[in-house]
Amino acid sequence: MRKITVISFTSMSIVRVAIGLALILAIVGYSAFSVITTGQVLGVDARLLLVVAPILAAVSWAAFNVGRAAVGQLQLMLKRSRA
């Protein structure tokens, strides 16, 4: 017979998630309103962010992938040097 695992959420965890979502929506809503009314996000021209955001995303993704391989190689080198 198969065992069924039931995930139980406490009411406190549901409240925390709801508060977090409300805060995120409030921040995103305020930022969107700010961009629409002033054309700026935190005092910076929104067009600059539109240009920089994809570049920053690509660089961080590459750093994540290369960094993971670099850490693996470093660990291998340290392991071999101890042997």
PDB file of N, CA and C in Angstrom:
ATOM      1  N   MET A   1       0.835  -1.180   0.000  1.00  0.00           N
ATOM      2  CA  MET A   1       0.000   0.000   0.000  1.00  0.00           C
ATOM      3  C   MET A   1       0.883   1.248   0.000  1.00  0.00           C
ATOM      4  N   ARG A   2       0.423   2.266  -0.650  1.00  0.00           N
ATOM      5  CA  ARG A   2       1.183   3.494  -0.800  1.00  0.00           C
ATOM      6  C   ARG A   2       0.903   4.474   0.321  1.00  0.00           C
ATOM      7  N   LYS A   3       1.971   5.104   0.808  1.00  0.00           N
ATOM      8  CA  LYS A   3       1.817   6.111   1.836  1.00  0.00           C
ATOM      9  C   LYS A   3       1.591   7.465   1.183  1.00  0.00           C
ATOM     10  N   ILE A   4       0.654   8.207   1.670  1.00  0.00           N
ATOM     11  CA  ILE A   4       0.374   9.540   1.145  1.00  0.00           C
ATOM     12  C   ILE A   4       0.915  10.556   2.139  1.00  0.00           C
ATOM     13  N   THR A   5       1.784  11.419   1.662  1.00  0.00           N
ATOM     14  CA  THR A   5       2.354  12.449   2.514  1.00  0.00           C
ATOM     15  C   THR A   5       1.482  13.695   2.427  1.00  0.00           C
ATOM     16  N   VAL A   6       1.103  14.194   3.561  1.00  0.00           N
ATOM     17  CA  VAL A   6       0.268  15.384   3.615  1.00  0.00           C
ATOM     18  C   VAL A   6       1.114  16.533   4.124  1.00  0.00           C
ATOM     19  N   ILE A   7       1.129  17.612   3.370  1.00  0.00           N
ATOM     20  CA  ILE A   7       1.864  18.798   3.793  1.00  0.00           C
ATOM     21  C   ILE A   7       0.904  19.678   4.572  1.00  0.00           C
ATOM     22  N   SER A   8       1.263  19.938   5.800  1.00  0.00           N
ATOM     23  CA  SER A   8       0.388  20.781   6.606  1.00  0.00           C
ATOM     24  C   SER A   8       1.037  22.140   6.801  1.00  0.00           C
ATOM     25  N   PHE A   9       0.263  23.169   6.566  1.00  0.00           N
ATOM     26  CA  PHE A   9       0.725  24.529   6.757  1.00  0.00           C
ATOM     27  C   PHE A   9       0.107  25.064   8.034  1.00  0.00           C
ATOM     28  N   THR A  10       0.936  25.628   8.848  1.00  0.00           N
ATOM     29  CA  THR A  10       0.388  26.247  10.047  1.00  0.00           C
ATOM     30  C   THR A  10      -0.210  27.582   9.654  1.00  0.00           C
ATOM     31  N   SER A  11      -1.104  28.054  10.452  1.00  0.00           N
ATOM     32  CA  SER A  11      -1.740  29.329  10.134  1.00  0.00           C
ATOM     33  C   SER A  11      -0.727  30.461  10.171  1.00  0.00           C
ATOM     34  N   MET A  12       0.306  30.324  10.999  1.00  0.00           N
ATOM     35  CA  MET A  12       1.316  31.373  11.083  1.00  0.00           C
ATOM     36  C   MET A  12       2.125  31.464   9.796  1.00  0.00           C
ATOM     37  N   SER A  13       2.453  30.316   9.187  1.00  0.00           N
ATOM     38  CA  SER A  13       3.218  30.355   7.946  1.00  0.00           C
ATOM     39  C   SER A  13       2.384  30.946   6.812  1.00  0.00           C
ATOM     40  N   ILE A  14       1.101  30.666   6.805  1.00  0.00           N
ATOM     41  CA  ILE A  14       0.223  31.234   5.783  1.00  0.00           C
ATOM     42  C   ILE A  14       0.135  32.748   5.954  1.00  0.00           C
ATOM     43  N   VAL A  15       0.081  33.202   7.184  1.00  0.00           N
ATOM     44  CA  VAL A  15       0.026  34.643   7.453  1.00  0.00           C
ATOM     45  C   VAL A  15       1.326  35.307   7.005  1.00  0.00           C
ATOM     46  N   ARG A  16       2.462  34.666   7.278  1.00  0.00           N
ATOM     47  CA  ARG A  16       3.752  35.227   6.858  1.00  0.00           C
ATOM     48  C   ARG A  16       3.842  35.333   5.343  1.00  0.00           C
ATOM     49  N   VAL A  17       3.408  34.305   4.647  1.00  0.00           N
ATOM     50  CA  VAL A  17       3.426  34.336   3.181  1.00  0.00           C
ATOM     51  C   VAL A  17       2.506  35.436   2.671  1.00  0.00           C
ATOM     52  N   ALA A  18       1.329  35.574   3.259  1.00  0.00           N
ATOM     53  CA  ALA A  18       0.386  36.603   2.828  1.00  0.00           C
ATOM     54  C   ALA A  18       0.953  37.998   3.058  1.00  0.00           C
ATOM     55  N   ILE A  19       1.607  38.208   4.192  1.00  0.00           N
ATOM     56  CA  ILE A  19       2.209  39.516   4.470  1.00  0.00           C
ATOM     57  C   ILE A  19       3.345  39.796   3.489  1.00  0.00           C
ATOM     58  N   GLY A  20       4.159  38.792   3.213  1.00  0.00           N
ATOM     59  CA  GLY A  20       5.246  38.964   2.253  1.00  0.00           C
ATOM     60  C   GLY A  20       4.738  39.303   0.863  1.00  0.00           C
ATOM     61  N   LEU A  21       3.704  38.598   0.425  1.00  0.00           N
ATOM     62  CA  LEU A  21       3.128  38.891  -0.889  1.00  0.00           C
ATOM     63  C   LEU A  21       2.523  40.288  -0.943  1.00  0.00           C
ATOM     64  N   ALA A  22       1.865  40.689   0.138  1.00  0.00           N
ATOM     65  CA  ALA A  22       1.277  42.030   0.185  1.00  0.00           C
ATOM     66  C   ALA A  22       2.360  43.099   0.104  1.00  0.00           C
ATOM     67  N   LEU A  23       3.469  42.897   0.811  1.00  0.00           N
ATOM     68  CA  LEU A  23       4.569  43.864   0.759  1.00  0.00           C
ATOM     69  C   LEU A  23       5.188  43.934  -0.629  1.00  0.00           C
ATOM     70  N   ILE A  24       5.399  42.774  -1.243  1.00  0.00           N
ATOM     71  CA  ILE A  24       5.972  42.755  -2.590  1.00  0.00           C
ATOM     72  C   ILE A  24       5.052  43.459  -3.579  1.00  0.00           C
ATOM     73  N   LEU A  25       3.761  43.168  -3.499  1.00  0.00           N
ATOM     74  CA  LEU A  25       2.810  43.826  -4.399  1.00  0.00           C
ATOM     75  C   LEU A  25       2.759  45.325  -4.172  1.00  0.00           C
ATOM     76  N   ALA A  26       2.858  45.753  -2.922  1.00  0.00           N
ATOM     77  CA  ALA A  26       2.846  47.188  -2.619  1.00  0.00           C
ATOM     78  C   ALA A  26       4.083  47.869  -3.201  1.00  0.00           C
ATOM     79  N   ILE A  27       5.248  47.242  -3.050  1.00  0.00           N
ATOM     80  CA  ILE A  27       6.478  47.832  -3.576  1.00  0.00           C
ATOM     81  C   ILE A  27       6.455  47.885  -5.098  1.00  0.00           C
ATOM     82  N   VAL A  28       6.041  46.790  -5.723  1.00  0.00           N
ATOM     83  CA  VAL A  28       5.974  46.765  -7.185  1.00  0.00           C
ATOM     84  C   VAL A  28       4.942  47.767  -7.694  1.00  0.00           C
ATOM     85  N   GLY A  29       3.801  47.837  -7.024  1.00  0.00           N
ATOM     86  CA  GLY A  29       2.775  48.802  -7.422  1.00  0.00           C
ATOM     87  C   GLY A  29       3.252  50.231  -7.295  1.00  0.00           C
ATOM     88  N   TYR A  30       3.937  50.534  -6.214  1.00  0.00           N
ATOM     89  CA  TYR A  30       4.452  51.899  -6.019  1.00  0.00           C
ATOM     90  C   TYR A  30       5.503  52.226  -7.069  1.00  0.00           C
ATOM     91  N   SER A  31       6.385  51.253  -7.361  1.00  0.00           N
ATOM     92  CA  SER A  31       7.416  51.476  -8.365  1.00  0.00           C
ATOM     93  C   SER A  31       6.802  51.700  -9.741  1.00  0.00           C
ATOM     94  N   ALA A  32       5.791  50.896 -10.089  1.00  0.00           N
ATOM     95  CA  ALA A  32       5.126  51.059 -11.385  1.00  0.00           C
ATOM     96  C   ALA A  32       4.445  52.423 -11.466  1.00  0.00           C
ATOM     97  N   PHE A  33       3.793  52.830 -10.390  1.00  0.00           N
ATOM     98  CA  PHE A  33       3.143  54.145 -10.369  1.00  0.00           C
ATOM     99  C   PHE A  33       4.176  55.256 -10.527  1.00  0.00           C
ATOM    100  N   SER A  34       5.327  55.100  -9.873  1.00  0.00           N
ATOM    101  CA  SER A  34       6.390  56.095  -9.961  1.00  0.00           C
ATOM    102  C   SER A  34       6.929  56.200 -11.382  1.00  0.00           C
ATOM    103  N   VAL A  35       7.103  55.057 -12.044  1.00  0.00           N
ATOM    104  CA  VAL A  35       7.607  55.073 -13.421  1.00  0.00           C
ATOM    105  C   VAL A  35       6.599  55.727 -14.344  1.00  0.00           C
ATOM    106  N   ILE A  36       5.326  55.423 -14.164  1.00  0.00           N
ATOM    107  CA  ILE A  36       4.299  55.979 -15.037  1.00  0.00           C
ATOM    108  C   ILE A  36       4.187  57.490 -14.867  1.00  0.00           C
ATOM    109  N   THR A  37       4.233  57.960 -13.640  1.00  0.00           N
ATOM    110  CA  THR A  37       4.022  59.390 -13.403  1.00  0.00           C
ATOM    111  C   THR A  37       5.259  60.229 -13.645  1.00  0.00           C
ATOM    112  N   THR A  38       6.465  59.719 -13.302  1.00  0.00           N
ATOM    113  CA  THR A  38       7.674  60.540 -13.414  1.00  0.00           C
ATOM    114  C   THR A  38       8.662  60.039 -14.453  1.00  0.00           C
ATOM    115  N   GLY A  39       8.551  58.782 -14.869  1.00  0.00           N
ATOM    116  CA  GLY A  39       9.518  58.218 -15.802  1.00  0.00           C
ATOM    117  C   GLY A  39      10.818  57.847 -15.123  1.00  0.00           C
ATOM    118  N   GLN A  40      10.824  57.813 -13.798  1.00  0.00           N
ATOM    119  CA  GLN A  40      12.038  57.495 -13.061  1.00  0.00           C
ATOM    120  C   GLN A  40      11.770  56.398 -12.038  1.00  0.00           C
ATOM    121  N   VAL A  41      12.805  55.627 -11.760  1.00  0.00           N
ATOM    122  CA  VAL A  41      12.748  54.617 -10.709  1.00  0.00           C
ATOM    123  C   VAL A  41      13.855  54.955  -9.730  1.00  0.00           C
ATOM    124  N   LEU A  42      13.487  55.283  -8.505  1.00  0.00           N
ATOM    125  CA  LEU A  42      14.442  55.671  -7.470  1.00  0.00           C
ATOM    126  C   LEU A  42      15.378  56.780  -7.951  1.00  0.00           C
ATOM    127  N   GLY A  43      14.841  57.716  -8.700  1.00  0.00           N
ATOM    128  CA  GLY A  43      15.620  58.849  -9.169  1.00  0.00           C
ATOM    129  C   GLY A  43      16.449  58.581 -10.403  1.00  0.00           C
ATOM    130  N   VAL A  44      16.377  57.388 -10.981  1.00  0.00           N
ATOM    131  CA  VAL A  44      17.138  57.039 -12.176  1.00  0.00           C
ATOM    132  C   VAL A  44      16.171  56.910 -13.343  1.00  0.00           C
ATOM    133  N   ASP A  45      16.576  57.409 -14.495  1.00  0.00           N
ATOM    134  CA  ASP A  45      15.737  57.326 -15.681  1.00  0.00           C
ATOM    135  C   ASP A  45      15.402  55.860 -15.980  1.00  0.00           C
ATOM    136  N   ALA A  46      14.134  55.571 -16.201  1.00  0.00           N
ATOM    137  CA  ALA A  46      13.676  54.191 -16.395  1.00  0.00           C
ATOM    138  C   ALA A  46      14.273  53.567 -17.654  1.00  0.00           C
ATOM    139  N   ARG A  47      14.573  54.363 -18.664  1.00  0.00           N
ATOM    140  CA  ARG A  47      15.158  53.815 -19.891  1.00  0.00           C
ATOM    141  C   ARG A  47      16.533  53.230 -19.629  1.00  0.00           C
ATOM    142  N   LEU A  48      17.281  53.839 -18.721  1.00  0.00           N
ATOM    143  CA  LEU A  48      18.595  53.312 -18.366  1.00  0.00           C
ATOM    144  C   LEU A  48      18.456  51.925 -17.746  1.00  0.00           C
ATOM    145  N   LEU A  49      17.461  51.762 -16.875  1.00  0.00           N
ATOM    146  CA  LEU A  49      17.239  50.452 -16.254  1.00  0.00           C
ATOM    147  C   LEU A  49      16.819  49.410 -17.280  1.00  0.00           C
ATOM    148  N   LEU A  50      16.054  49.827 -18.293  1.00  0.00           N
ATOM    149  CA  LEU A  50      15.641  48.889 -19.342  1.00  0.00           C
ATOM    150  C   LEU A  50      16.831  48.394 -20.157  1.00  0.00           C
ATOM    151  N   VAL A  51      17.854  49.221 -20.285  1.00  0.00           N
ATOM    152  CA  VAL A  51      19.048  48.818 -21.021  1.00  0.00           C
ATOM    153  C   VAL A  51      19.968  47.980 -20.142  1.00  0.00           C
ATOM    154  N   VAL A  52      20.130  48.379 -18.892  1.00  0.00           N
ATOM    155  CA  VAL A  52      21.092  47.731 -18.011  1.00  0.00           C
ATOM    156  C   VAL A  52      20.579  46.397 -17.460  1.00  0.00           C
ATOM    157  N   ALA A  53      19.279  46.272 -17.233  1.00  0.00           N
ATOM    158  CA  ALA A  53      18.729  45.071 -16.593  1.00  0.00           C
ATOM    159  C   ALA A  53      19.045  43.777 -17.356  1.00  0.00           C
ATOM    160  N   PRO A  54      18.829  43.704 -18.686  1.00  0.00           N
ATOM    161  CA  PRO A  54      19.162  42.448 -19.378  1.00  0.00           C
ATOM    162  C   PRO A  54      20.656  42.141 -19.363  1.00  0.00           C
ATOM    163  N   ILE A  55      21.480  43.187 -19.445  1.00  0.00           N
ATOM    164  CA  ILE A  55      22.934  42.981 -19.402  1.00  0.00           C
ATOM    165  C   ILE A  55      23.345  42.446 -18.042  1.00  0.00           C
ATOM    166  N   LEU A  56      22.806  43.039 -16.989  1.00  0.00           N
ATOM    167  CA  LEU A  56      23.108  42.593 -15.633  1.00  0.00           C
ATOM    168  C   LEU A  56      22.621  41.163 -15.402  1.00  0.00           C
ATOM    169  N   ALA A  57      21.460  40.828 -15.947  1.00  0.00           N
ATOM    170  CA  ALA A  57      20.942  39.463 -15.810  1.00  0.00           C
ATOM    171  C   ALA A  57      21.862  38.464 -16.516  1.00  0.00           C
ATOM    172  N   ALA A  58      22.347  38.804 -17.704  1.00  0.00           N
ATOM    173  CA  ALA A  58      23.237  37.906 -18.448  1.00  0.00           C
ATOM    174  C   ALA A  58      24.570  37.728 -17.730  1.00  0.00           C
ATOM    175  N   VAL A  59      25.115  38.815 -17.217  1.00  0.00           N
ATOM    176  CA  VAL A  59      26.395  38.746 -16.514  1.00  0.00           C
ATOM    177  C   VAL A  59      26.268  37.922 -15.235  1.00  0.00           C
ATOM    178  N   SER A  60      25.186  38.136 -14.491  1.00  0.00           N
ATOM    179  CA  SER A  60      25.021  37.391 -13.241  1.00  0.00           C
ATOM    180  C   SER A  60      24.772  35.910 -13.520  1.00  0.00           C
ATOM    181  N   TRP A  61      24.044  35.585 -14.581  1.00  0.00           N
ATOM    182  CA  TRP A  61      23.815  34.180 -14.929  1.00  0.00           C
ATOM    183  C   TRP A  61      25.133  33.509 -15.327  1.00  0.00           C
ATOM    184  N   ALA A  62      25.950  34.211 -16.118  1.00  0.00           N
ATOM    185  CA  ALA A  62      27.251  33.657 -16.512  1.00  0.00           C
ATOM    186  C   ALA A  62      28.147  33.487 -15.291  1.00  0.00           C
ATOM    187  N   ALA A  63      28.156  34.462 -14.395  1.00  0.00           N
ATOM    188  CA  ALA A  63      28.979  34.376 -13.185  1.00  0.00           C
ATOM    189  C   ALA A  63      28.518  33.208 -12.320  1.00  0.00           C
ATOM    190  N   PHE A  64      27.227  32.987 -12.249  1.00  0.00           N
ATOM    191  CA  PHE A  64      26.693  31.869 -11.468  1.00  0.00           C
ATOM    192  C   PHE A  64      27.176  30.542 -12.032  1.00  0.00           C
ATOM    193  N   ASN A  65      27.063  30.376 -13.347  1.00  0.00           N
ATOM    194  CA  ASN A  65      27.460  29.112 -13.973  1.00  0.00           C
ATOM    195  C   ASN A  65      28.968  28.905 -13.924  1.00  0.00           C
ATOM    196  N   VAL A  66      29.745  29.927 -14.236  1.00  0.00           N
ATOM    197  CA  VAL A  66      31.198  29.809 -14.213  1.00  0.00           C
ATOM    198  C   VAL A  66      31.685  29.672 -12.775  1.00  0.00           C
ATOM    199  N   GLY A  67      31.074  30.397 -11.855  1.00  0.00           N
ATOM    200  CA  GLY A  67      31.470  30.331 -10.455  1.00  0.00           C
ATOM    201  C   GLY A  67      31.265  28.954  -9.870  1.00  0.00           C
ATOM    202  N   ARG A  68      30.190  28.316 -10.250  1.00  0.00           N
ATOM    203  CA  ARG A  68      29.912  26.966  -9.765  1.00  0.00           C
ATOM    204  C   ARG A  68      30.991  25.992 -10.241  1.00  0.00           C
ATOM    205  N   ALA A  69      31.383  26.099 -11.511  1.00  0.00           N
ATOM    206  CA  ALA A  69      32.436  25.229 -12.041  1.00  0.00           C
ATOM    207  C   ALA A  69      33.777  25.558 -11.397  1.00  0.00           C
ATOM    208  N   ALA A  70      34.032  26.850 -11.167  1.00  0.00           N
ATOM    209  CA  ALA A  70      35.297  27.252 -10.556  1.00  0.00           C
ATOM    210  C   ALA A  70      35.410  26.736  -9.128  1.00  0.00           C
ATOM    211  N   VAL A  71      34.339  26.790  -8.383  1.00  0.00           N
ATOM    212  CA  VAL A  71      34.351  26.275  -7.010  1.00  0.00           C
ATOM    213  C   VAL A  71      34.581  24.769  -7.027  1.00  0.00           C
ATOM    214  N   GLY A  72      33.967  24.073  -7.965  1.00  0.00           N
ATOM    215  CA  GLY A  72      34.166  22.632  -8.083  1.00  0.00           C
ATOM    216  C   GLY A  72      35.618  22.288  -8.382  1.00  0.00           C
ATOM    217  N   GLN A  73      36.243  23.052  -9.288  1.00  0.00           N
ATOM    218  CA  GLN A  73      37.642  22.805  -9.612  1.00  0.00           C
ATOM    219  C   GLN A  73      38.549  23.126  -8.434  1.00  0.00           C
ATOM    220  N   LEU A  74      38.247  24.194  -7.727  1.00  0.00           N
ATOM    221  CA  LEU A  74      39.033  24.568  -6.556  1.00  0.00           C
ATOM    222  C   LEU A  74      38.960  23.482  -5.485  1.00  0.00           C
ATOM    223  N   GLN A  75      37.770  22.952  -5.263  1.00  0.00           N
ATOM    224  CA  GLN A  75      37.621  21.876  -4.288  1.00  0.00           C
ATOM    225  C   GLN A  75      38.394  20.635  -4.718  1.00  0.00           C
ATOM    226  N   LEU A  76      38.370  20.334  -6.018  1.00  0.00           N
ATOM    227  CA  LEU A  76      39.109  19.176  -6.532  1.00  0.00           C
ATOM    228  C   LEU A  76      40.606  19.380  -6.350  1.00  0.00           C
ATOM    229  N   MET A  77      41.107  20.591  -6.640  1.00  0.00           N
ATOM    230  CA  MET A  77      42.522  20.875  -6.459  1.00  0.00           C
ATOM    231  C   MET A  77      42.930  20.740  -4.997  1.00  0.00           C
ATOM    232  N   LEU A  78      42.131  21.254  -4.086  1.00  0.00           N
ATOM    233  CA  LEU A  78      42.444  21.161  -2.661  1.00  0.00           C
ATOM    234  C   LEU A  78      42.419  19.708  -2.186  1.00  0.00           C
ATOM    235  N   LYS A  79      41.474  18.941  -2.707  1.00  0.00           N
ATOM    236  CA  LYS A  79      41.367  17.532  -2.338  1.00  0.00           C
ATOM    237  C   LYS A  79      42.594  16.760  -2.812  1.00  0.00           C
ATOM    238  N   ARG A  80      43.045  17.041  -4.040  1.00  0.00           N
ATOM    239  CA  ARG A  80      44.215  16.360  -4.590  1.00  0.00           C
ATOM    240  C   ARG A  80      45.515  16.775  -3.884  1.00  0.00           C
ATOM    241  N   SER A  81      45.579  18.034  -3.454  1.00  0.00           N
ATOM    242  CA  SER A  81      46.800  18.500  -2.800  1.00  0.00           C
ATOM    243  C   SER A  81      46.952  17.895  -1.410  1.00  0.00           C
ATOM    244  N   ARG A  82      45.853  17.520  -0.784  1.00  0.00           N
ATOM    245  CA  ARG A  82      45.896  16.918   0.544  1.00  0.00           C
ATOM    246  C   ARG A  82      46.212  15.432   0.487  1.00  0.00           C
ATOM    247  N   ALA A  83      45.972  14.816  -0.663  1.00  0.00           N
ATOM    248  CA  ALA A  83      46.173  13.365  -0.773  1.00  0.00           C
ATOM    249  C   ALA A  83      47.604  12.973  -0.993  1.00  0.00           C
TER     250      ALA A  83
END
